[in-house]
All heavy atoms as atom14 arrays in JSON, in Angstrom:
{
  "sequence": "AARRQLTDDLTHAEQPLAPGDLVGPYVALLRLALGPEPPPPARA",
  "atom14_mask": [
    [1, 1, 1, 1, 1, 0, 0, 0, 0, 0, 0, 0, 0, 0],
    [1, 1, 1, 1, 1, 0, 0, 0, 0, 0, 0, 0, 0, 0],
    [1, 1, 1, 1, 1, 1, 1, 1, 1, 1, 1, 0, 0, 0],
    [1, 1, 1, 1, 1, 1, 1, 1, 1, 1, 1, 0, 0, 0],
    [1, 1, 1, 1, 1, 1, 1, 1, 1, 0, 0, 0, 0, 0],
    [1, 1, 1, 1, 1, 1, 1, 1, 0, 0, 0, 0, 0, 0],
    [1, 1, 1, 1, 1, 1, 1, 0, 0, 0, 0, 0, 0, 0],
    [1, 1, 1, 1, 1, 1, 1, 1, 0, 0, 0, 0, 0, 0],
    [1, 1, 1, 1, 1, 1, 1, 1, 0, 0, 0, 0, 0, 0],
    [1, 1, 1, 1, 1, 1, 1, 1, 0, 0, 0, 0, 0, 0],
    [1, 1, 1, 1, 1, 1, 1, 0, 0, 0, 0, 0, 0, 0],
    [1, 1, 1, 1, 1, 1, 1, 1, 1, 1, 0, 0, 0, 0],
    [1, 1, 1, 1, 1, 0, 0, 0, 0, 0, 0, 0, 0, 0],
    [1, 1, 1, 1, 1, 1, 1, 1, 1, 0, 0, 0, 0, 0],
    [1, 1, 1, 1, 1, 1, 1, 1, 1, 0, 0, 0, 0, 0],
    [1, 1, 1, 1, 1, 1, 1, 0, 0, 0, 0, 0, 0, 0],
    [1, 1, 1, 1, 1, 1, 1, 1, 0, 0, 0, 0, 0, 0],
    [1, 1, 1, 1, 1, 0, 0, 0, 0, 0, 0, 0, 0, 0],
    [1, 1, 1, 1, 1, 1, 1, 0, 0, 0, 0, 0, 0, 0],
    [1, 1, 1, 1, 0, 0, 0, 0, 0, 0, 0, 0, 0, 0],
    [1, 1, 1, 1, 1, 1, 1, 1, 0, 0, 0, 0, 0, 0],
    [1, 1, 1, 1, 1, 1, 1, 1, 0, 0, 0, 0, 0, 0],
    [1, 1, 1, 1, 1, 1, 1, 0, 0, 0, 0, 0, 0, 0],
    [1, 1, 1, 1, 0, 0, 0, 0, 0, 0, 0, 0, 0, 0],
    [1, 1, 1, 1, 1, 1, 1, 0, 0, 0, 0, 0, 0, 0],
    [1, 1, 1, 1, 1, 1, 1, 1, 1, 1, 1, 1, 0, 0],
    [1, 1, 1, 1, 1, 1, 1, 0, 0, 0, 0, 0, 0, 0],
    [1, 1, 1, 1, 1, 0, 0, 0, 0, 0, 0, 0, 0, 0],
    [1, 1, 1, 1, 1, 1, 1, 1, 0, 0, 0, 0, 0, 0],
    [1, 1, 1, 1, 1, 1, 1, 1, 0, 0, 0, 0, 0, 0],
    [1, 1, 1, 1, 1, 1, 1, 1, 1, 1, 1, 0, 0, 0],
    [1, 1, 1, 1, 1, 1, 1, 1, 0, 0, 0, 0, 0, 0],
    [1, 1, 1, 1, 1, 0, 0, 0, 0, 0, 0, 0, 0, 0],
    [1, 1, 1, 1, 1, 1, 1, 1, 0, 0, 0, 0, 0, 0],
    [1, 1, 1, 1, 0, 0, 0, 0, 0, 0, 0, 0, 0, 0],
    [1, 1, 1, 1, 1, 1, 1, 0, 0, 0, 0, 0, 0, 0],
    [1, 1, 1, 1, 1, 1, 1, 1, 1, 0, 0, 0, 0, 0],
    [1, 1, 1, 1, 1, 1, 1, 0, 0, 0, 0, 0, 0, 0],
    [1, 1, 1, 1, 1, 1, 1, 0, 0, 0, 0, 0, 0, 0],
    [1, 1, 1, 1, 1, 1, 1, 0, 0, 0, 0, 0, 0, 0],
    [1, 1, 1, 1, 1, 1, 1, 0, 0, 0, 0, 0, 0, 0],
    [1, 1, 1, 1, 1, 0, 0, 0, 0, 0, 0, 0, 0, 0],
    [1, 1, 1, 1, 1, 1, 1, 1, 1, 1, 1, 0, 0, 0],
    [1, 1, 1, 1, 1, 0, 0, 0, 0, 0, 0, 0, 0, 0]
  ],
  "atom14_positions": [
    [[22.12, -8.09, -8.5], [22.73, -6.76, -8.65], [21.82, -5.83, -9.45], [21.66, -4.66, -9.1], [24.1, -6.89, -9.34], [0.0, 0.0, 0.0], [0.0, 0.0, 0.0], [0.0, 0.0, 0.0], [0.0, 0.0, 0.0], [0.0, 0.0, 0.0], [0.0, 0.0, 0.0], [0.0, 0.0, 0.0], [0.0, 0.0, 0.0], [0.0, 0.0, 0.0]],
    [[21.2, -6.36, -10.5], [20.32, -5.55, -11.35], [19.13, -5.05, -10.53], [18.73, -3.89, -10.64], [19.84, -6.38, -12.54], [0.0, 0.0, 0.0], [0.0, 0.0, 0.0], [0.0, 0.0, 0.0], [0.0, 0.0, 0.0], [0.0, 0.0, 0.0], [0.0, 0.0, 0.0], [0.0, 0.0, 0.0], [0.0, 0.0, 0.0], [0.0, 0.0, 0.0]],
    [[18.59, -5.92, -9.7], [17.42, -5.56, -8.9], [17.77, -4.46, -7.9], [16.99, -3.52, -7.7], [16.94, -6.82, -8.18], [15.62, -6.65, -7.5], [15.11, -8.02, -7.07], [13.86, -7.8, -6.37], [13.68, -8.11, -5.1], [14.65, -8.66, -4.39], [12.53, -7.89, -4.53], [0.0, 0.0, 0.0], [0.0, 0.0, 0.0], [0.0, 0.0, 0.0]],
    [[18.95, -4.56, -7.28], [19.4, -3.51, -6.35], [19.55, -2.17, -7.09], [19.13, -1.13, -6.58], [20.74, -3.89, -5.7], [20.57, -4.85, -4.53], [21.86, -5.0, -3.73], [22.97, -5.5, -4.53], [23.18, -6.79, -4.78], [22.35, -7.72, -4.34], [24.22, -7.18, -5.49], [0.0, 0.0, 0.0], [0.0, 0.0, 0.0], [0.0, 0.0, 0.0]],
    [[20.14, -2.22, -8.28], [20.33, -1.0, -9.07], [18.99, -0.39, -9.48], [18.78, 0.81, -9.39], [21.17, -1.31, -10.32], [21.44, -0.1, -11.2], [22.29, 0.95, -10.51], [23.33, 0.66, -9.95], [21.8, 2.19, -10.49], [0.0, 0.0, 0.0], [0.0, 0.0, 0.0], [0.0, 0.0, 0.0], [0.0, 0.0, 0.0], [0.0, 0.0, 0.0]],
    [[18.06, -1.24, -9.93], [16.74, -0.76, -10.34], [15.99, -0.14, -9.16], [15.36, 0.91, -9.3], [15.92, -1.9, -10.94], [16.34, -2.34, -12.35], [15.69, -3.67, -12.71], [15.98, -1.28, -13.38], [0.0, 0.0, 0.0], [0.0, 0.0, 0.0], [0.0, 0.0, 0.0], [0.0, 0.0, 0.0], [0.0, 0.0, 0.0], [0.0, 0.0, 0.0]],
    [[16.08, -0.78, -8.01], [15.41, -0.25, -6.81], [15.98, 1.12, -6.46], [15.24, 2.06, -6.14], [15.6, -1.24, -5.63], [15.04, -2.5, -6.02], [14.86, -0.76, -4.39], [0.0, 0.0, 0.0], [0.0, 0.0, 0.0], [0.0, 0.0, 0.0], [0.0, 0.0, 0.0], [0.0, 0.0, 0.0], [0.0, 0.0, 0.0], [0.0, 0.0, 0.0]],
    [[17.3, 1.23, -6.56], [17.98, 2.49, -6.29], [17.54, 3.57, -7.3], [17.22, 4.7, -6.92], [19.49, 2.25, -6.38], [20.29, 3.4, -5.81], [19.95, 3.85, -4.69], [21.23, 3.86, -6.48], [0.0, 0.0, 0.0], [0.0, 0.0, 0.0], [0.0, 0.0, 0.0], [0.0, 0.0, 0.0], [0.0, 0.0, 0.0], [0.0, 0.0, 0.0]],
    [[17.52, 3.21, -8.58], [17.1, 4.16, -9.61], [15.65, 4.59, -9.42], [15.31, 5.76, -9.6], [17.29, 3.55, -11.01], [18.76, 3.47, -11.41], [19.55, 4.3, -10.91], [19.11, 2.6, -12.21], [0.0, 0.0, 0.0], [0.0, 0.0, 0.0], [0.0, 0.0, 0.0], [0.0, 0.0, 0.0], [0.0, 0.0, 0.0], [0.0, 0.0, 0.0]],
    [[14.79, 3.65, -9.04], [13.39, 3.98, -8.8], [13.25, 4.96, -7.64], [12.41, 5.87, -7.68], [12.56, 2.72, -8.55], [12.29, 1.86, -9.79], [11.62, 0.54, -9.39], [11.43, 2.6, -10.8], [0.0, 0.0, 0.0], [0.0, 0.0, 0.0], [0.0, 0.0, 0.0], [0.0, 0.0, 0.0], [0.0, 0.0, 0.0], [0.0, 0.0, 0.0]],
    [[14.08, 4.8, -6.62], [14.06, 5.74, -5.49], [14.4, 7.15, -5.98], [13.75, 8.11, -5.59], [15.07, 5.29, -4.41], [14.68, 3.98, -3.96], [15.07, 6.24, -3.22], [0.0, 0.0, 0.0], [0.0, 0.0, 0.0], [0.0, 0.0, 0.0], [0.0, 0.0, 0.0], [0.0, 0.0, 0.0], [0.0, 0.0, 0.0], [0.0, 0.0, 0.0]],
    [[15.4, 7.27, -6.85], [15.78, 8.57, -7.4], [14.7, 9.13, -8.32], [14.57, 10.35, -8.45], [17.1, 8.48, -8.15], [18.28, 8.32, -7.25], [18.66, 9.26, -6.33], [19.16, 7.31, -7.12], [19.71, 8.84, -5.66], [20.04, 7.65, -6.12], [0.0, 0.0, 0.0], [0.0, 0.0, 0.0], [0.0, 0.0, 0.0], [0.0, 0.0, 0.0]],
    [[13.96, 8.23, -8.97], [12.93, 8.66, -9.92], [11.66, 9.11, -9.2], [10.73, 9.6, -9.82], [12.62, 7.54, -10.9], [0.0, 0.0, 0.0], [0.0, 0.0, 0.0], [0.0, 0.0, 0.0], [0.0, 0.0, 0.0], [0.0, 0.0, 0.0], [0.0, 0.0, 0.0], [0.0, 0.0, 0.0], [0.0, 0.0, 0.0], [0.0, 0.0, 0.0]],
    [[11.63, 8.92, -7.88], [10.39, 9.18, -7.13], [10.11, 10.65, -6.85], [9.11, 10.98, -6.23], [10.44, 8.42, -5.8], [9.3, 7.46, -5.65], [9.4, 6.6, -4.4], [10.53, 6.32, -3.93], [8.35, 6.2, -3.89], [0.0, 0.0, 0.0], [0.0, 0.0, 0.0], [0.0, 0.0, 0.0], [0.0, 0.0, 0.0], [0.0, 0.0, 0.0]],
    [[11.0, 11.54, -7.29], [10.75, 12.98, -7.1], [9.63, 13.43, -8.01], [9.76, 13.3, -9.22], [12.01, 13.8, -7.44], [13.34, 13.2, -7.0], [13.39, 12.95, -5.51], [12.91, 13.78, -4.74], [13.93, 11.81, -5.11], [0.0, 0.0, 0.0], [0.0, 0.0, 0.0], [0.0, 0.0, 0.0], [0.0, 0.0, 0.0], [0.0, 0.0, 0.0]],
    [[8.53, 13.96, -7.46], [7.44, 14.44, -8.35], [7.93, 15.58, -9.23], [8.72, 16.41, -8.8], [6.38, 14.93, -7.37], [6.7, 14.3, -6.06], [8.18, 14.09, -6.05], [0.0, 0.0, 0.0], [0.0, 0.0, 0.0], [0.0, 0.0, 0.0], [0.0, 0.0, 0.0], [0.0, 0.0, 0.0], [0.0, 0.0, 0.0], [0.0, 0.0, 0.0]],
    [[7.48, 15.59, -10.48], [7.86, 16.64, -11.42], [6.98, 17.87, -11.22], [7.38, 18.98, -11.57], [7.71, 16.15, -12.86], [8.66, 15.04, -13.3], [8.31, 14.58, -14.71], [10.11, 15.5, -13.24], [0.0, 0.0, 0.0], [0.0, 0.0, 0.0], [0.0, 0.0, 0.0], [0.0, 0.0, 0.0], [0.0, 0.0, 0.0], [0.0, 0.0, 0.0]],
    [[5.77, 17.68, -10.7], [4.82, 18.77, -10.5], [3.75, 18.29, -9.53], [3.63, 17.09, -9.29], [4.18, 19.15, -11.84], [0.0, 0.0, 0.0], [0.0, 0.0, 0.0], [0.0, 0.0, 0.0], [0.0, 0.0, 0.0], [0.0, 0.0, 0.0], [0.0, 0.0, 0.0], [0.0, 0.0, 0.0], [0.0, 0.0, 0.0], [0.0, 0.0, 0.0]],
    [[2.98, 19.22, -8.96], [1.86, 18.78, -8.12], [0.93, 17.88, -8.92], [0.72, 18.11, -10.11], [1.14, 20.1, -7.75], [2.16, 21.16, -7.95], [3.07, 20.67, -9.05], [0.0, 0.0, 0.0], [0.0, 0.0, 0.0], [0.0, 0.0, 0.0], [0.0, 0.0, 0.0], [0.0, 0.0, 0.0], [0.0, 0.0, 0.0], [0.0, 0.0, 0.0]],
    [[0.45, 16.82, -8.3], [-0.44, 15.9, -9.0], [0.28, 14.79, -9.74], [-0.35, 13.93, -10.35], [0.0, 0.0, 0.0], [0.0, 0.0, 0.0], [0.0, 0.0, 0.0], [0.0, 0.0, 0.0], [0.0, 0.0, 0.0], [0.0, 0.0, 0.0], [0.0, 0.0, 0.0], [0.0, 0.0, 0.0], [0.0, 0.0, 0.0], [0.0, 0.0, 0.0]],
    [[1.61, 14.77, -9.7], [2.4, 13.69, -10.29], [2.27, 12.47, -9.37], [2.74, 12.5, -8.23], [3.86, 14.14, -10.41], [4.74, 13.14, -11.15], [4.24, 12.05, -11.53], [5.93, 13.43, -11.35], [0.0, 0.0, 0.0], [0.0, 0.0, 0.0], [0.0, 0.0, 0.0], [0.0, 0.0, 0.0], [0.0, 0.0, 0.0], [0.0, 0.0, 0.0]],
    [[1.64, 11.41, -9.86], [1.4, 10.21, -9.03], [2.57, 9.23, -9.09], [2.39, 8.02, -9.12], [0.11, 9.52, -9.51], [-1.16, 10.37, -9.39], [-2.36, 9.62, -9.96], [-1.42, 10.75, -7.94], [0.0, 0.0, 0.0], [0.0, 0.0, 0.0], [0.0, 0.0, 0.0], [0.0, 0.0, 0.0], [0.0, 0.0, 0.0], [0.0, 0.0, 0.0]],
    [[3.78, 9.77, -9.08], [4.97, 8.94, -9.22], [5.17, 8.02, -8.01], [5.67, 6.91, -8.16], [6.23, 9.83, -9.47], [6.54, 10.7, -8.27], [7.42, 8.99, -9.88], [0.0, 0.0, 0.0], [0.0, 0.0, 0.0], [0.0, 0.0, 0.0], [0.0, 0.0, 0.0], [0.0, 0.0, 0.0], [0.0, 0.0, 0.0], [0.0, 0.0, 0.0]],
    [[4.76, 8.45, -6.82], [4.95, 7.63, -5.62], [4.28, 6.26, -5.71], [4.95, 5.22, -5.65], [0.0, 0.0, 0.0], [0.0, 0.0, 0.0], [0.0, 0.0, 0.0], [0.0, 0.0, 0.0], [0.0, 0.0, 0.0], [0.0, 0.0, 0.0], [0.0, 0.0, 0.0], [0.0, 0.0, 0.0], [0.0, 0.0, 0.0], [0.0, 0.0, 0.0]],
    [[2.95, 6.24, -5.9], [2.28, 4.94, -6.02], [2.71, 4.16, -7.27], [2.76, 2.93, -7.25], [0.79, 5.29, -6.1], [0.69, 6.78, -6.17], [2.01, 7.36, -5.81], [0.0, 0.0, 0.0], [0.0, 0.0, 0.0], [0.0, 0.0, 0.0], [0.0, 0.0, 0.0], [0.0, 0.0, 0.0], [0.0, 0.0, 0.0], [0.0, 0.0, 0.0]],
    [[3.08, 4.87, -8.32], [3.52, 4.21, -9.57], [4.83, 3.46, -9.31], [4.98, 2.3, -9.68], [3.7, 5.26, -10.66], [3.93, 4.71, -12.05], [2.86, 4.36, -12.86], [5.21, 4.56, -12.55], [3.06, 3.86, -14.16], [5.43, 4.08, -13.83], [4.35, 3.73, -14.62], [4.57, 3.24, -15.9], [0.0, 0.0, 0.0], [0.0, 0.0, 0.0]],
    [[5.77, 4.15, -8.65], [7.06, 3.52, -8.34], [6.87, 2.37, -7.35], [7.53, 1.34, -7.45], [8.06, 4.58, -7.82], [9.24, 3.93, -7.12], [8.55, 5.45, -8.98], [0.0, 0.0, 0.0], [0.0, 0.0, 0.0], [0.0, 0.0, 0.0], [0.0, 0.0, 0.0], [0.0, 0.0, 0.0], [0.0, 0.0, 0.0], [0.0, 0.0, 0.0]],
    [[5.94, 2.53, -6.41], [5.66, 1.44, -5.47], [5.2, 0.18, -6.21], [5.65, -0.94, -5.9], [4.61, 1.88, -4.45], [0.0, 0.0, 0.0], [0.0, 0.0, 0.0], [0.0, 0.0, 0.0], [0.0, 0.0, 0.0], [0.0, 0.0, 0.0], [0.0, 0.0, 0.0], [0.0, 0.0, 0.0], [0.0, 0.0, 0.0], [0.0, 0.0, 0.0]],
    [[4.35, 0.35, -7.21], [3.9, -0.78, -8.03], [5.07, -1.39, -8.8], [5.19, -2.62, -8.89], [2.85, -0.32, -9.04], [1.37, -0.48, -8.7], [0.53, 0.06, -9.85], [1.02, -1.93, -8.43], [0.0, 0.0, 0.0], [0.0, 0.0, 0.0], [0.0, 0.0, 0.0], [0.0, 0.0, 0.0], [0.0, 0.0, 0.0], [0.0, 0.0, 0.0]],
    [[5.91, -0.53, -9.36], [7.07, -1.04, -10.11], [8.0, -1.84, -9.2], [8.53, -2.88, -9.6], [7.85, 0.12, -10.75], [7.36, 0.61, -12.1], [8.13, 1.85, -12.51], [7.49, -0.47, -13.15], [0.0, 0.0, 0.0], [0.0, 0.0, 0.0], [0.0, 0.0, 0.0], [0.0, 0.0, 0.0], [0.0, 0.0, 0.0], [0.0, 0.0, 0.0]],
    [[8.21, -1.33, -7.98], [9.07, -2.05, -7.03], [8.53, -3.45, -6.75], [9.29, -4.41, -6.68], [9.15, -1.28, -5.71], [10.24, -0.29, -5.69], [10.66, 0.0, -4.25], [11.41, 1.22, -4.26], [10.9, 2.42, -4.04], [9.61, 2.55, -3.74], [11.65, 3.48, -4.09], [0.0, 0.0, 0.0], [0.0, 0.0, 0.0], [0.0, 0.0, 0.0]],
    [[7.19, -3.53, -6.58], [6.57, -4.84, -6.34], [6.81, -5.78, -7.51], [6.92, -6.99, -7.34], [5.07, -4.69, -6.13], [4.61, -4.18, -4.77], [3.09, -3.99, -4.78], [5.01, -5.16, -3.67], [0.0, 0.0, 0.0], [0.0, 0.0, 0.0], [0.0, 0.0, 0.0], [0.0, 0.0, 0.0], [0.0, 0.0, 0.0], [0.0, 0.0, 0.0]],
    [[6.89, -5.21, -8.71], [7.06, -6.01, -9.92], [8.46, -6.6, -10.02], [8.68, -7.55, -10.78], [6.76, -5.16, -11.15], [0.0, 0.0, 0.0], [0.0, 0.0, 0.0], [0.0, 0.0, 0.0], [0.0, 0.0, 0.0], [0.0, 0.0, 0.0], [0.0, 0.0, 0.0], [0.0, 0.0, 0.0], [0.0, 0.0, 0.0], [0.0, 0.0, 0.0]],
    [[9.42, -6.05, -9.27], [10.79, -6.58, -9.3], [10.88, -7.72, -8.3], [11.36, -7.56, -7.18], [11.8, -5.48, -8.91], [11.79, -4.22, -9.76], [12.77, -3.21, -9.19], [12.11, -4.52, -11.22], [0.0, 0.0, 0.0], [0.0, 0.0, 0.0], [0.0, 0.0, 0.0], [0.0, 0.0, 0.0], [0.0, 0.0, 0.0], [0.0, 0.0, 0.0]],
    [[10.4, -8.87, -8.7], [10.36, -10.02, -7.8], [11.73, -10.62, -7.56], [12.74, -10.14, -8.08], [0.0, 0.0, 0.0], [0.0, 0.0, 0.0], [0.0, 0.0, 0.0], [0.0, 0.0, 0.0], [0.0, 0.0, 0.0], [0.0, 0.0, 0.0], [0.0, 0.0, 0.0], [0.0, 0.0, 0.0], [0.0, 0.0, 0.0], [0.0, 0.0, 0.0]],
    [[11.77, -11.69, -6.78], [13.05, -12.35, -6.47], [13.68, -13.06, -7.67], [14.88, -13.24, -7.73], [12.68, -13.36, -5.38], [11.21, -13.58, -5.53], [10.63, -12.31, -6.1], [0.0, 0.0, 0.0], [0.0, 0.0, 0.0], [0.0, 0.0, 0.0], [0.0, 0.0, 0.0], [0.0, 0.0, 0.0], [0.0, 0.0, 0.0], [0.0, 0.0, 0.0]],
    [[12.85, -13.43, -8.64], [13.36, -14.12, -9.84], [13.53, -13.13, -10.97], [12.75, -12.18, -11.09], [12.35, -15.2, -10.28], [12.12, -16.29, -9.25], [13.41, -17.04, -8.94], [14.13, -17.4, -9.89], [13.7, -17.24, -7.75], [0.0, 0.0, 0.0], [0.0, 0.0, 0.0], [0.0, 0.0, 0.0], [0.0, 0.0, 0.0], [0.0, 0.0, 0.0]],
    [[14.52, -13.35, -11.86], [14.66, -12.45, -13.01], [13.41, -12.5, -13.87], [12.85, -13.58, -14.08], [15.87, -13.0, -13.76], [16.29, -14.24, -13.08], [15.53, -14.4, -11.81], [0.0, 0.0, 0.0], [0.0, 0.0, 0.0], [0.0, 0.0, 0.0], [0.0, 0.0, 0.0], [0.0, 0.0, 0.0], [0.0, 0.0, 0.0], [0.0, 0.0, 0.0]],
    [[12.96, -11.36, -14.38], [11.75, -11.36, -15.21], [12.05, -12.0, -16.57], [13.13, -11.82, -17.11], [11.44, -9.87, -15.38], [12.74, -9.18, -15.18], [13.53, -10.02, -14.22], [0.0, 0.0, 0.0], [0.0, 0.0, 0.0], [0.0, 0.0, 0.0], [0.0, 0.0, 0.0], [0.0, 0.0, 0.0], [0.0, 0.0, 0.0], [0.0, 0.0, 0.0]],
    [[11.09, -12.76, -17.12], [11.28, -13.25, -18.5], [11.36, -12.06, -19.45], [10.91, -10.97, -19.1], [10.04, -14.1, -18.76], [9.11, -13.89, -17.63], [9.84, -13.18, -16.53], [0.0, 0.0, 0.0], [0.0, 0.0, 0.0], [0.0, 0.0, 0.0], [0.0, 0.0, 0.0], [0.0, 0.0, 0.0], [0.0, 0.0, 0.0], [0.0, 0.0, 0.0]],
    [[11.96, -12.26, -20.63], [12.17, -11.13, -21.56], [10.93, -10.29, -21.83], [11.03, -9.06, -21.86], [12.68, -11.82, -22.83], [13.39, -13.04, -22.33], [12.59, -13.5, -21.14], [0.0, 0.0, 0.0], [0.0, 0.0, 0.0], [0.0, 0.0, 0.0], [0.0, 0.0, 0.0], [0.0, 0.0, 0.0], [0.0, 0.0, 0.0], [0.0, 0.0, 0.0]],
    [[9.77, -10.9, -22.01], [8.56, -10.13, -22.31], [8.2, -9.22, -21.13], [7.78, -8.07, -21.32], [7.4, -11.06, -22.63], [0.0, 0.0, 0.0], [0.0, 0.0, 0.0], [0.0, 0.0, 0.0], [0.0, 0.0, 0.0], [0.0, 0.0, 0.0], [0.0, 0.0, 0.0], [0.0, 0.0, 0.0], [0.0, 0.0, 0.0], [0.0, 0.0, 0.0]],
    [[8.39, -9.73, -19.92], [8.08, -8.91, -18.74], [9.12, -7.8, -18.57], [8.77, -6.68, -18.2], [8.02, -9.77, -17.49], [7.54, -9.0, -16.27], [7.27, -9.95, -15.12], [6.96, -9.27, -13.89], [5.74, -8.95, -13.49], [4.71, -9.22, -14.28], [5.53, -8.35, -12.34], [0.0, 0.0, 0.0], [0.0, 0.0, 0.0], [0.0, 0.0, 0.0]],
    [[10.39, -8.11, -18.85], [11.43, -7.08, -18.78], [11.11, -5.95, -19.77], [11.27, -4.77, -19.45], [12.8, -7.68, -19.08], [0.0, 0.0, 0.0], [0.0, 0.0, 0.0], [0.0, 0.0, 0.0], [0.0, 0.0, 0.0], [0.0, 0.0, 0.0], [0.0, 0.0, 0.0], [0.0, 0.0, 0.0], [0.0, 0.0, 0.0], [0.0, 0.0, 0.0]]
  ]
}
C-alpha cells in the first residue's frame, strides 16, 4: 500500500516548477528505487 501511495505522490510531484526543472528523470530514478521489498530504515 505504501509503495502504491508513494508512486501516486511521485506522479503528482512530477509537475516542473520552472523551465529546466529536471523533475521527470529525478522522479523516474526515485520510482526505480521503490523496489518490491520494503526498504531498510537507512534506505527509507
